[in-house]
Amino acid sequence: LPNDILNDEENNKRCLTASSTSSIIQHIDTLFSSVRRENEKQFKELSKKNDRKHNIDSIDLSAFREPGNDQPRDDVVHDNVNLLRIRGKNVGDYGRQVLRCLYSREELLVSILPPGGTQFSRKPLDIVRFEKFHDAMRGKYRIADHYYDEFYNKLVRPKLVDFLSDERKRERQKQSTNSLSSQSSSPDHNLSF
């Protein structure tokens, strides 16, 4: 082949390679921009969630306290355990720990928070022990009696409702896992044809 034809083919290959490379780079740049936008969006959502969680965990409880009344409350004892000595990371965690101390796992799985009602299929937790829960929350965080209902309904009750619901979900998952593992180890399941 003459040199002119070879040079034309080489030039075509170079142009093709250059345009292909340029096209690939543009495509990669487009993908990168898309991934970056998605990451920024997810980061903003996570930041919002983190801010909300931080605000809930760092709520100023002084609004629920009586000014100048920092005297410790009397001990709240259940089964020789002083409920005021139970440690929790925050109000919700402390509430969960106290419920675990006051009630059995089975009671927590089949019950709802008092007062309950006839419209609910689940029975409420024992009210006498739940009063100990209230006393413990009031004493631990030194909440004034006349602010306690607001404190409980705004900060504590929603976390406890979620806690009881999560306990039931965990139990269902555990039963489902146990059921699947017992099926997979049963002799009928291992038959070969």
N, C-alpha and C. Protein backbone atom coordinates (compact mmCIF):
# COMPACT_ATOMS: atom_id res chain seq x y z
N LEU A 1 0.83 -1.19 0.00
CA LEU A 1 0.00 0.00 0.00
C LEU A 1 0.87 1.26 0.00
N PRO A 2 0.43 2.26 -0.74
CA PRO A 2 1.20 3.50 -0.76
C PRO A 2 1.18 4.19 0.62
N ASN A 3 2.19 5.00 0.84
CA ASN A 3 2.33 5.71 2.12
C ASN A 3 1.16 6.62 2.43
N ASP A 4 0.56 7.21 1.40
CA ASP A 4 -0.58 8.11 1.61
C ASP A 4 -1.75 7.38 2.25
N ILE A 5 -2.01 6.17 1.78
CA ILE A 5 -3.12 5.38 2.32
C ILE A 5 -2.82 4.96 3.75
N LEU A 6 -1.57 4.55 4.00
CA LEU A 6 -1.19 4.17 5.38
C LEU A 6 -1.33 5.36 6.32
N ASN A 7 -0.90 6.52 5.86
CA ASN A 7 -1.01 7.72 6.70
C ASN A 7 -2.47 8.06 6.97
N ASP A 8 -3.33 7.91 5.96
CA ASP A 8 -4.75 8.17 6.14
C ASP A 8 -5.36 7.21 7.17
N GLU A 9 -5.00 5.94 7.07
CA GLU A 9 -5.52 4.96 8.03
C GLU A 9 -5.05 5.26 9.45
N GLU A 10 -3.77 5.62 9.57
CA GLU A 10 -3.25 5.96 10.89
C GLU A 10 -3.94 7.19 11.44
N ASN A 11 -4.14 8.17 10.58
CA ASN A 11 -4.84 9.39 11.01
C ASN A 11 -6.27 9.07 11.43
N ASN A 12 -6.95 8.22 10.66
CA ASN A 12 -8.31 7.81 11.02
C ASN A 12 -8.33 7.11 12.38
N LYS A 13 -7.36 6.21 12.60
CA LYS A 13 -7.29 5.49 13.88
C LYS A 13 -7.05 6.47 15.03
N ARG A 14 -6.14 7.41 14.78
CA ARG A 14 -5.86 8.40 15.83
C ARG A 14 -7.10 9.24 16.13
N CYS A 15 -7.78 9.67 15.07
CA CYS A 15 -9.00 10.47 15.26
C CYS A 15 -10.07 9.65 15.97
N LEU A 16 -10.22 8.40 15.53
CA LEU A 16 -11.20 7.52 16.14
C LEU A 16 -10.85 7.29 17.60
N THR A 17 -9.58 7.03 17.88
CA THR A 17 -9.14 6.81 19.24
C THR A 17 -9.33 8.07 20.07
N ALA A 18 -8.99 9.22 19.51
CA ALA A 18 -9.14 10.48 20.23
C ALA A 18 -10.61 10.77 20.50
N SER A 19 -11.48 10.56 19.50
CA SER A 19 -12.90 10.84 19.71
C SER A 19 -13.52 9.82 20.66
N SER A 20 -13.08 8.56 20.57
CA SER A 20 -13.58 7.54 21.49
C SER A 20 -13.15 7.85 22.91
N THR A 21 -11.89 8.22 23.04
CA THR A 21 -11.38 8.56 24.37
C THR A 21 -12.12 9.76 24.92
N SER A 22 -12.34 10.75 24.09
CA SER A 22 -13.06 11.94 24.51
C SER A 22 -14.49 11.58 24.92
N SER A 23 -15.12 10.73 24.15
CA SER A 23 -16.48 10.28 24.46
C SER A 23 -16.53 9.52 25.78
N ILE A 24 -15.55 8.65 25.97
CA ILE A 24 -15.49 7.87 27.21
C ILE A 24 -15.26 8.79 28.40
N ILE A 25 -14.37 9.75 28.24
CA ILE A 25 -14.09 10.69 29.33
C ILE A 25 -15.33 11.50 29.66
N GLN A 26 -16.06 11.95 28.63
CA GLN A 26 -17.29 12.69 28.87
C GLN A 26 -18.31 11.83 29.60
N HIS A 27 -18.41 10.57 29.20
CA HIS A 27 -19.35 9.65 29.85
C HIS A 27 -18.96 9.43 31.32
N ILE A 28 -17.68 9.22 31.56
CA ILE A 28 -17.21 9.03 32.94
C ILE A 28 -17.46 10.29 33.76
N ASP A 29 -17.22 11.45 33.15
CA ASP A 29 -17.45 12.71 33.85
C ASP A 29 -18.93 12.88 34.20
N THR A 30 -19.81 12.51 33.29
CA THR A 30 -21.25 12.56 33.54
C THR A 30 -21.64 11.62 34.68
N LEU A 31 -21.11 10.40 34.64
CA LEU A 31 -21.39 9.45 35.72
C LEU A 31 -20.86 9.95 37.06
N PHE A 32 -19.66 10.49 37.05
CA PHE A 32 -19.06 11.00 38.27
C PHE A 32 -19.91 12.13 38.85
N SER A 33 -20.37 13.03 37.99
CA SER A 33 -21.22 14.14 38.45
C SER A 33 -22.52 13.62 39.06
N SER A 34 -23.09 12.61 38.43
CA SER A 34 -24.33 12.02 38.94
C SER A 34 -24.10 11.38 40.31
N VAL A 35 -23.02 10.64 40.45
CA VAL A 35 -22.70 10.00 41.74
C VAL A 35 -22.44 11.07 42.80
N ARG A 36 -21.74 12.13 42.43
CA ARG A 36 -21.45 13.20 43.38
C ARG A 36 -22.74 13.87 43.86
N ARG A 37 -23.67 14.14 42.94
CA ARG A 37 -24.95 14.74 43.33
C ARG A 37 -25.72 13.83 44.27
N GLU A 38 -25.74 12.53 43.96
CA GLU A 38 -26.44 11.56 44.81
C GLU A 38 -25.79 11.50 46.20
N ASN A 39 -24.47 11.50 46.24
CA ASN A 39 -23.77 11.49 47.53
C ASN A 39 -24.07 12.74 48.35
N GLU A 40 -24.09 13.89 47.69
CA GLU A 40 -24.40 15.14 48.38
C GLU A 40 -25.82 15.10 48.95
N LYS A 41 -26.74 14.57 48.17
CA LYS A 41 -28.13 14.46 48.61
C LYS A 41 -28.22 13.54 49.84
N GLN A 42 -27.57 12.39 49.78
CA GLN A 42 -27.59 11.46 50.92
C GLN A 42 -26.90 12.06 52.13
N PHE A 43 -25.81 12.79 51.92
CA PHE A 43 -25.11 13.43 53.02
C PHE A 43 -26.01 14.44 53.72
N LYS A 44 -26.75 15.24 52.94
CA LYS A 44 -27.66 16.21 53.53
C LYS A 44 -28.75 15.52 54.34
N GLU A 45 -29.29 14.41 53.82
CA GLU A 45 -30.32 13.68 54.55
C GLU A 45 -29.76 13.11 55.85
N LEU A 46 -28.57 12.53 55.79
CA LEU A 46 -27.94 12.00 57.01
C LEU A 46 -27.64 13.11 58.00
N SER A 47 -27.22 14.26 57.51
CA SER A 47 -26.94 15.39 58.40
C SER A 47 -28.21 15.83 59.12
N LYS A 48 -29.33 15.88 58.38
CA LYS A 48 -30.60 16.25 59.01
C LYS A 48 -31.00 15.25 60.08
N LYS A 49 -30.87 13.95 59.77
CA LYS A 49 -31.21 12.91 60.75
C LYS A 49 -30.32 13.03 61.97
N ASN A 50 -29.04 13.25 61.75
CA ASN A 50 -28.10 13.38 62.86
C ASN A 50 -28.44 14.59 63.72
N ASP A 51 -28.77 15.70 63.09
CA ASP A 51 -29.15 16.90 63.84
C ASP A 51 -30.40 16.67 64.67
N ARG A 52 -31.41 16.00 64.07
CA ARG A 52 -32.63 15.70 64.82
C ARG A 52 -32.34 14.81 66.01
N LYS A 53 -31.54 13.76 65.80
CA LYS A 53 -31.20 12.85 66.89
C LYS A 53 -30.44 13.59 67.97
N HIS A 54 -29.48 14.41 67.57
CA HIS A 54 -28.70 15.16 68.55
C HIS A 54 -29.59 16.09 69.34
N ASN A 55 -30.55 16.75 68.67
CA ASN A 55 -31.45 17.66 69.38
C ASN A 55 -32.32 16.92 70.38
N ILE A 56 -32.78 15.72 70.02
CA ILE A 56 -33.60 14.93 70.94
C ILE A 56 -32.78 14.49 72.13
N ASP A 57 -31.54 14.06 71.88
CA ASP A 57 -30.69 13.58 72.97
C ASP A 57 -30.20 14.69 73.88
N SER A 58 -30.15 15.91 73.37
CA SER A 58 -29.60 17.00 74.17
C SER A 58 -30.66 18.02 74.55
N ILE A 59 -31.89 17.59 74.72
CA ILE A 59 -32.97 18.49 75.09
C ILE A 59 -32.70 19.04 76.48
N ASP A 60 -32.94 20.30 76.65
CA ASP A 60 -32.73 20.95 77.93
C ASP A 60 -33.89 20.58 78.85
N LEU A 61 -33.59 19.76 79.83
CA LEU A 61 -34.63 19.30 80.76
C LEU A 61 -34.98 20.34 81.81
N SER A 62 -34.24 21.44 81.85
CA SER A 62 -34.51 22.46 82.88
C SER A 62 -35.91 23.05 82.72
N ALA A 63 -36.47 23.01 81.52
CA ALA A 63 -37.82 23.52 81.31
C ALA A 63 -38.86 22.70 82.07
N PHE A 64 -38.51 21.46 82.42
CA PHE A 64 -39.44 20.59 83.13
C PHE A 64 -39.15 20.52 84.63
N ARG A 65 -38.16 21.28 85.08
CA ARG A 65 -37.78 21.23 86.49
C ARG A 65 -38.27 22.48 87.21
N GLU A 66 -38.43 22.33 88.51
CA GLU A 66 -38.80 23.45 89.37
C GLU A 66 -37.51 24.20 89.72
N PRO A 67 -37.43 25.49 89.45
CA PRO A 67 -36.20 26.22 89.76
C PRO A 67 -35.87 26.16 91.26
N GLY A 68 -34.62 25.92 91.57
CA GLY A 68 -34.16 25.89 92.95
C GLY A 68 -34.50 24.63 93.71
N ASN A 69 -35.08 23.64 93.05
CA ASN A 69 -35.44 22.40 93.74
C ASN A 69 -34.57 21.27 93.21
N ASP A 70 -33.33 21.22 93.68
CA ASP A 70 -32.40 20.19 93.23
C ASP A 70 -32.25 19.07 94.25
N GLN A 71 -33.18 18.97 95.16
CA GLN A 71 -33.08 17.92 96.17
C GLN A 71 -33.35 16.57 95.53
N PRO A 72 -32.52 15.58 95.88
CA PRO A 72 -32.75 14.24 95.33
C PRO A 72 -34.05 13.65 95.86
N ARG A 73 -34.69 12.87 95.04
CA ARG A 73 -35.94 12.20 95.44
C ARG A 73 -35.62 10.94 96.21
N ASP A 74 -36.64 10.40 96.84
CA ASP A 74 -36.49 9.13 97.55
C ASP A 74 -36.19 8.03 96.55
N ASP A 75 -35.52 6.99 97.04
CA ASP A 75 -35.22 5.84 96.20
C ASP A 75 -36.50 5.20 95.68
N VAL A 76 -36.45 4.68 94.47
CA VAL A 76 -37.56 3.93 93.89
C VAL A 76 -37.03 2.51 93.72
N VAL A 77 -37.53 1.60 94.56
CA VAL A 77 -36.98 0.25 94.62
C VAL A 77 -37.98 -0.76 94.06
N HIS A 78 -37.45 -1.68 93.24
CA HIS A 78 -38.24 -2.79 92.72
C HIS A 78 -37.36 -4.03 92.76
N ASP A 79 -37.82 -5.08 93.42
CA ASP A 79 -37.04 -6.32 93.57
C ASP A 79 -35.60 -6.05 94.03
N ASN A 80 -35.49 -5.25 95.06
CA ASN A 80 -34.19 -4.89 95.66
C ASN A 80 -33.26 -4.13 94.71
N VAL A 81 -33.81 -3.54 93.66
CA VAL A 81 -33.02 -2.73 92.73
C VAL A 81 -33.51 -1.29 92.83
N ASN A 82 -32.59 -0.37 93.13
CA ASN A 82 -32.94 1.04 93.15
C ASN A 82 -32.97 1.53 91.70
N LEU A 83 -34.16 1.81 91.20
CA LEU A 83 -34.33 2.19 89.79
C LEU A 83 -33.61 3.50 89.45
N LEU A 84 -33.36 4.33 90.45
CA LEU A 84 -32.66 5.59 90.19
C LEU A 84 -31.18 5.37 89.89
N ARG A 85 -30.66 4.21 90.23
CA ARG A 85 -29.24 3.91 89.99
C ARG A 85 -28.99 3.27 88.62
N ILE A 86 -30.05 2.95 87.91
CA ILE A 86 -29.90 2.40 86.56
C ILE A 86 -29.34 3.50 85.67
N ARG A 87 -28.40 3.14 84.84
CA ARG A 87 -27.78 4.13 83.95
C ARG A 87 -28.39 4.04 82.55
N GLY A 88 -28.49 5.20 81.93
CA GLY A 88 -28.97 5.27 80.55
C GLY A 88 -28.27 6.39 79.83
N LYS A 89 -28.08 6.23 78.52
CA LYS A 89 -27.40 7.25 77.72
C LYS A 89 -28.22 8.53 77.62
N ASN A 90 -29.53 8.38 77.64
CA ASN A 90 -30.44 9.51 77.52
C ASN A 90 -31.78 9.11 78.13
N VAL A 91 -32.76 9.98 78.04
CA VAL A 91 -34.07 9.72 78.63
C VAL A 91 -34.70 8.45 78.08
N GLY A 92 -34.64 8.26 76.77
CA GLY A 92 -35.23 7.07 76.15
C GLY A 92 -34.53 5.79 76.56
N ASP A 93 -33.22 5.82 76.57
CA ASP A 93 -32.45 4.63 76.96
C ASP A 93 -32.71 4.28 78.42
N TYR A 94 -32.74 5.29 79.28
CA TYR A 94 -33.04 5.04 80.69
C TYR A 94 -34.44 4.42 80.84
N GLY A 95 -35.41 4.96 80.11
CA GLY A 95 -36.77 4.42 80.17
C GLY A 95 -36.81 2.96 79.74
N ARG A 96 -36.10 2.60 78.69
CA ARG A 96 -36.07 1.21 78.23
C ARG A 96 -35.44 0.30 79.29
N GLN A 97 -34.36 0.77 79.90
CA GLN A 97 -33.69 -0.04 80.92
C GLN A 97 -34.60 -0.27 82.13
N VAL A 98 -35.33 0.76 82.53
CA VAL A 98 -36.24 0.63 83.67
C VAL A 98 -37.38 -0.33 83.33
N LEU A 99 -37.93 -0.23 82.12
CA LEU A 99 -39.00 -1.17 81.73
C LEU A 99 -38.50 -2.61 81.75
N ARG A 100 -37.27 -2.82 81.29
CA ARG A 100 -36.70 -4.18 81.32
C ARG A 100 -36.54 -4.69 82.75
N CYS A 101 -36.32 -3.79 83.68
CA CYS A 101 -36.18 -4.18 85.08
C CYS A 101 -37.55 -4.47 85.71
N LEU A 102 -38.55 -3.68 85.34
CA LEU A 102 -39.87 -3.81 85.95
C LEU A 102 -40.70 -4.95 85.37
N TYR A 103 -40.49 -5.28 84.11
CA TYR A 103 -41.34 -6.26 83.43
C TYR A 103 -40.50 -7.36 82.80
N SER A 104 -41.12 -8.52 82.69
CA SER A 104 -40.44 -9.64 82.03
C SER A 104 -40.45 -9.40 80.51
N ARG A 105 -39.61 -10.11 79.82
CA ARG A 105 -39.55 -10.00 78.35
C ARG A 105 -40.91 -10.35 77.75
N GLU A 106 -41.54 -11.39 78.28
CA GLU A 106 -42.85 -11.82 77.77
C GLU A 106 -43.89 -10.72 77.94
N GLU A 107 -43.87 -10.05 79.10
CA GLU A 107 -44.82 -8.97 79.33
C GLU A 107 -44.60 -7.83 78.33
N LEU A 108 -43.36 -7.52 78.07
CA LEU A 108 -43.06 -6.44 77.12
C LEU A 108 -43.48 -6.80 75.70
N LEU A 109 -43.45 -8.09 75.38
CA LEU A 109 -43.82 -8.53 74.02
C LEU A 109 -45.32 -8.49 73.77
N VAL A 110 -46.11 -8.72 74.80
CA VAL A 110 -47.56 -8.87 74.59
C VAL A 110 -48.37 -7.67 75.08
N SER A 111 -47.71 -6.63 75.58
CA SER A 111 -48.44 -5.52 76.19
C SER A 111 -48.18 -4.21 75.47
N ILE A 112 -49.03 -3.23 75.83
CA ILE A 112 -48.84 -1.86 75.37
C ILE A 112 -48.68 -0.97 76.60
N LEU A 113 -48.37 0.29 76.37
CA LEU A 113 -48.22 1.22 77.48
C LEU A 113 -49.57 1.54 78.08
N PRO A 114 -49.63 1.73 79.40
CA PRO A 114 -50.88 2.16 80.02
C PRO A 114 -51.26 3.55 79.50
N PRO A 115 -52.50 3.91 79.48
CA PRO A 115 -53.62 3.26 80.11
C PRO A 115 -54.28 2.18 79.26
N GLY A 116 -53.89 2.05 78.00
CA GLY A 116 -54.54 1.05 77.16
C GLY A 116 -55.93 1.51 76.78
N GLY A 117 -56.78 0.57 76.44
CA GLY A 117 -58.15 0.89 76.07
C GLY A 117 -58.82 -0.32 75.46
N THR A 118 -60.15 -0.29 75.42
CA THR A 118 -60.89 -1.44 74.90
C THR A 118 -60.68 -1.61 73.40
N GLN A 119 -60.29 -0.55 72.71
CA GLN A 119 -60.09 -0.64 71.26
C GLN A 119 -58.81 -1.38 70.89
N PHE A 120 -57.92 -1.61 71.86
CA PHE A 120 -56.66 -2.30 71.60
C PHE A 120 -56.77 -3.78 71.90
N SER A 121 -56.14 -4.59 71.08
CA SER A 121 -56.16 -6.03 71.31
C SER A 121 -55.16 -6.43 72.40
N ARG A 122 -54.15 -5.63 72.62
CA ARG A 122 -53.15 -5.93 73.66
C ARG A 122 -53.55 -5.27 74.97
N LYS A 123 -53.21 -5.94 76.05
CA LYS A 123 -53.48 -5.41 77.39
C LYS A 123 -52.35 -4.45 77.78
N PRO A 124 -52.66 -3.45 78.61
CA PRO A 124 -51.60 -2.54 79.06
C PRO A 124 -50.70 -3.20 80.10
N LEU A 125 -49.49 -2.69 80.20
CA LEU A 125 -48.57 -3.14 81.25
C LEU A 125 -49.19 -2.87 82.61
N ASP A 126 -48.80 -3.66 83.60
CA ASP A 126 -49.32 -3.53 84.96
C ASP A 126 -49.14 -2.09 85.44
N ILE A 127 -50.25 -1.46 85.85
CA ILE A 127 -50.25 -0.04 86.20
C ILE A 127 -49.49 0.25 87.49
N VAL A 128 -49.51 -0.68 88.45
CA VAL A 128 -48.80 -0.46 89.72
C VAL A 128 -47.29 -0.35 89.45
N ARG A 129 -46.77 -1.27 88.67
CA ARG A 129 -45.34 -1.20 88.34
C ARG A 129 -45.05 -0.01 87.43
N PHE A 130 -46.02 0.36 86.60
CA PHE A 130 -45.78 1.51 85.72
C PHE A 130 -45.72 2.80 86.51
N GLU A 131 -46.42 2.86 87.63
CA GLU A 131 -46.30 4.03 88.51
C GLU A 131 -44.89 4.12 89.07
N LYS A 132 -44.27 2.97 89.34
CA LYS A 132 -42.86 2.98 89.76
C LYS A 132 -41.99 3.53 88.64
N PHE A 133 -42.34 3.19 87.41
CA PHE A 133 -41.61 3.73 86.26
C PHE A 133 -41.69 5.26 86.27
N HIS A 134 -42.91 5.79 86.44
CA HIS A 134 -43.09 7.25 86.48
C HIS A 134 -42.28 7.86 87.62
N ASP A 135 -42.34 7.24 88.79
CA ASP A 135 -41.58 7.76 89.94
C ASP A 135 -40.09 7.77 89.64
N ALA A 136 -39.61 6.71 88.99
CA ALA A 136 -38.19 6.63 88.66
C ALA A 136 -37.80 7.72 87.66
N MET A 137 -38.61 7.93 86.63
CA MET A 137 -38.31 8.98 85.64
C MET A 137 -38.32 10.35 86.30
N ARG A 138 -39.35 10.59 87.12
CA ARG A 138 -39.47 11.87 87.82
C ARG A 138 -38.25 12.11 88.71
N GLY A 139 -37.86 11.06 89.45
CA GLY A 139 -36.74 11.19 90.37
C GLY A 139 -35.40 11.29 89.68
N LYS A 140 -35.18 10.47 88.68
CA LYS A 140 -33.89 10.45 87.99
C LYS A 140 -33.57 11.80 87.35
N TYR A 141 -34.56 12.37 86.71
CA TYR A 141 -34.34 13.63 85.99
C TYR A 141 -34.86 14.85 86.74
N ARG A 142 -35.31 14.66 87.99
CA ARG A 142 -35.80 15.73 88.87
C ARG A 142 -36.85 16.60 88.16
N ILE A 143 -37.85 15.94 87.61
CA ILE A 143 -38.92 16.62 86.88
C ILE A 143 -39.99 17.05 87.88
N ALA A 144 -40.42 18.29 87.79
CA ALA A 144 -41.48 18.80 88.66
C ALA A 144 -42.77 18.05 88.37
N ASP A 145 -43.53 17.79 89.42
CA ASP A 145 -44.77 17.01 89.27
C ASP A 145 -45.72 17.62 88.24
N HIS A 146 -45.87 18.94 88.25
CA HIS A 146 -46.83 19.57 87.33
C HIS A 146 -46.31 19.65 85.89
N TYR A 147 -45.04 19.33 85.64
CA TYR A 147 -44.52 19.28 84.27
C TYR A 147 -44.34 17.84 83.77
N TYR A 148 -44.57 16.89 84.65
CA TYR A 148 -44.22 15.52 84.28
C TYR A 148 -45.04 15.00 83.10
N ASP A 149 -46.34 15.26 83.06
CA ASP A 149 -47.16 14.74 81.95
C ASP A 149 -46.64 15.23 80.60
N GLU A 150 -46.28 16.50 80.53
CA GLU A 150 -45.74 17.04 79.28
C GLU A 150 -44.39 16.37 78.95
N PHE A 151 -43.54 16.25 79.95
CA PHE A 151 -42.24 15.58 79.78
C PHE A 151 -42.44 14.15 79.27
N TYR A 152 -43.33 13.42 79.92
CA TYR A 152 -43.57 12.02 79.55
C TYR A 152 -44.14 11.92 78.13
N ASN A 153 -45.17 12.70 77.84
CA ASN A 153 -45.84 12.58 76.54
C ASN A 153 -44.98 13.07 75.38
N LYS A 154 -44.15 14.08 75.59
CA LYS A 154 -43.32 14.61 74.50
C LYS A 154 -42.03 13.84 74.31
N LEU A 155 -41.37 13.48 75.42
CA LEU A 155 -40.02 12.94 75.31
C LEU A 155 -39.91 11.44 75.54
N VAL A 156 -40.73 10.91 76.42
CA VAL A 156 -40.54 9.52 76.84
C VAL A 156 -41.48 8.56 76.12
N ARG A 157 -42.75 8.85 76.13
CA ARG A 157 -43.74 7.91 75.58
C ARG A 157 -43.44 7.51 74.13
N PRO A 158 -43.13 8.44 73.22
CA PRO A 158 -42.84 8.01 71.84
C PRO A 158 -41.69 7.01 71.75
N LYS A 159 -40.67 7.19 72.57
CA LYS A 159 -39.54 6.26 72.56
C LYS A 159 -39.95 4.90 73.10
N LEU A 160 -40.82 4.89 74.11
CA LEU A 160 -41.25 3.61 74.68
C LEU A 160 -42.18 2.86 73.73
N VAL A 161 -43.02 3.58 73.02
CA VAL A 161 -43.89 2.95 72.01
C VAL A 161 -43.02 2.28 70.95
N ASP A 162 -42.01 2.99 70.48
CA ASP A 162 -41.08 2.41 69.50
C ASP A 162 -40.35 1.21 70.08
N PHE A 163 -39.95 1.31 71.33
CA PHE A 163 -39.24 0.22 72.00
C PHE A 163 -40.09 -1.05 72.03
N LEU A 164 -41.35 -0.94 72.46
CA LEU A 164 -42.22 -2.12 72.53
C LEU A 164 -42.46 -2.69 71.13
N SER A 165 -42.65 -1.82 70.16
CA SER A 165 -42.84 -2.28 68.78
C SER A 165 -41.59 -2.99 68.27
N ASP A 166 -40.42 -2.43 68.54
CA ASP A 166 -39.16 -3.05 68.10
C ASP A 166 -38.93 -4.39 68.78
N GLU A 167 -39.31 -4.50 70.05
CA GLU A 167 -39.17 -5.78 70.75
C GLU A 167 -40.01 -6.86 70.07
N ARG A 168 -41.23 -6.49 69.67
CA ARG A 168 -42.10 -7.46 68.98
C ARG A 168 -41.51 -7.84 67.62
N LYS A 169 -40.97 -6.86 66.90
CA LYS A 169 -40.35 -7.14 65.60
C LYS A 169 -39.16 -8.08 65.77
N ARG A 170 -38.32 -7.80 66.76
CA ARG A 170 -37.16 -8.67 66.99
C ARG A 170 -37.60 -10.08 67.32
N GLU A 171 -38.65 -10.22 68.10
CA GLU A 171 -39.14 -11.55 68.46
C GLU A 171 -39.67 -12.28 67.22
N ARG A 172 -40.42 -11.58 66.36
CA ARG A 172 -40.91 -12.20 65.12
C ARG A 172 -39.76 -12.64 64.23
N GLN A 173 -38.74 -11.80 64.11
CA GLN A 173 -37.57 -12.16 63.29
C GLN A 173 -36.85 -13.36 63.88
N LYS A 174 -36.75 -13.39 65.19
CA LYS A 174 -36.08 -14.52 65.86
C LYS A 174 -36.86 -15.80 65.61
N GLN A 175 -38.19 -15.74 65.74
CA GLN A 175 -39.01 -16.92 65.49
C GLN A 175 -38.92 -17.35 64.03
N SER A 176 -38.91 -16.39 63.14
CA SER A 176 -38.81 -16.70 61.71
C SER A 176 -37.47 -17.37 61.41
N THR A 177 -36.40 -16.85 61.98
CA THR A 177 -35.07 -17.43 61.78
C THR A 177 -35.01 -18.83 62.36
N ASN A 178 -35.55 -19.01 63.56
CA ASN A 178 -35.57 -20.33 64.18
C ASN A 178 -36.39 -21.31 63.36
N SER A 179 -37.51 -20.84 62.82
CA SER A 179 -38.37 -21.69 62.00
C SER A 179 -37.64 -22.13 60.73
N LEU A 180 -36.97 -21.19 60.09
CA LEU A 180 -36.23 -21.52 58.87
C LEU A 180 -35.08 -22.48 59.15
N SER A 181 -34.38 -22.26 60.26
CA SER A 181 -33.25 -23.14 60.56
C SER A 181 -33.73 -24.53 60.95
N SER A 182 -34.88 -24.63 61.61
CA SER A 182 -35.39 -25.96 61.95
C SER A 182 -35.90 -26.68 60.71
N GLN A 183 -36.45 -25.92 59.74
CA GLN A 183 -36.89 -26.54 58.49
C GLN A 183 -35.70 -27.04 57.68
N SER A 184 -34.63 -26.27 57.66
CA SER A 184 -33.47 -26.67 56.86
C SER A 184 -32.74 -27.85 57.47
N SER A 185 -32.90 -28.07 58.76
CA SER A 185 -32.23 -29.21 59.39
C SER A 185 -33.15 -30.42 59.52
N SER A 186 -34.41 -30.28 59.08
CA SER A 186 -35.33 -31.42 59.18
C SER A 186 -34.97 -32.47 58.13
N PRO A 187 -35.20 -33.76 58.43
CA PRO A 187 -34.83 -34.83 57.50
C PRO A 187 -35.55 -34.75 56.16
N ASP A 188 -36.81 -34.28 56.15
CA ASP A 188 -37.57 -34.20 54.90
C ASP A 188 -36.95 -33.20 53.93
N HIS A 189 -36.35 -32.17 54.47
CA HIS A 189 -35.78 -31.12 53.63
C HIS A 189 -34.51 -31.59 52.91
N ASN A 190 -33.83 -32.56 53.45
CA ASN A 190 -32.56 -33.02 52.90
C ASN A 190 -32.70 -34.22 51.96
N LEU A 191 -33.91 -34.55 51.56
CA LEU A 191 -34.11 -35.67 50.63
C LEU A 191 -33.54 -35.33 49.27
N SER A 192 -32.91 -36.30 48.64
CA SER A 192 -32.41 -36.07 47.29
C SER A 192 -33.19 -36.96 46.33
N PHE A 193 -33.38 -36.47 45.14
CA PHE A 193 -34.17 -37.20 44.15
C PHE A 193 -33.29 -37.78 43.10
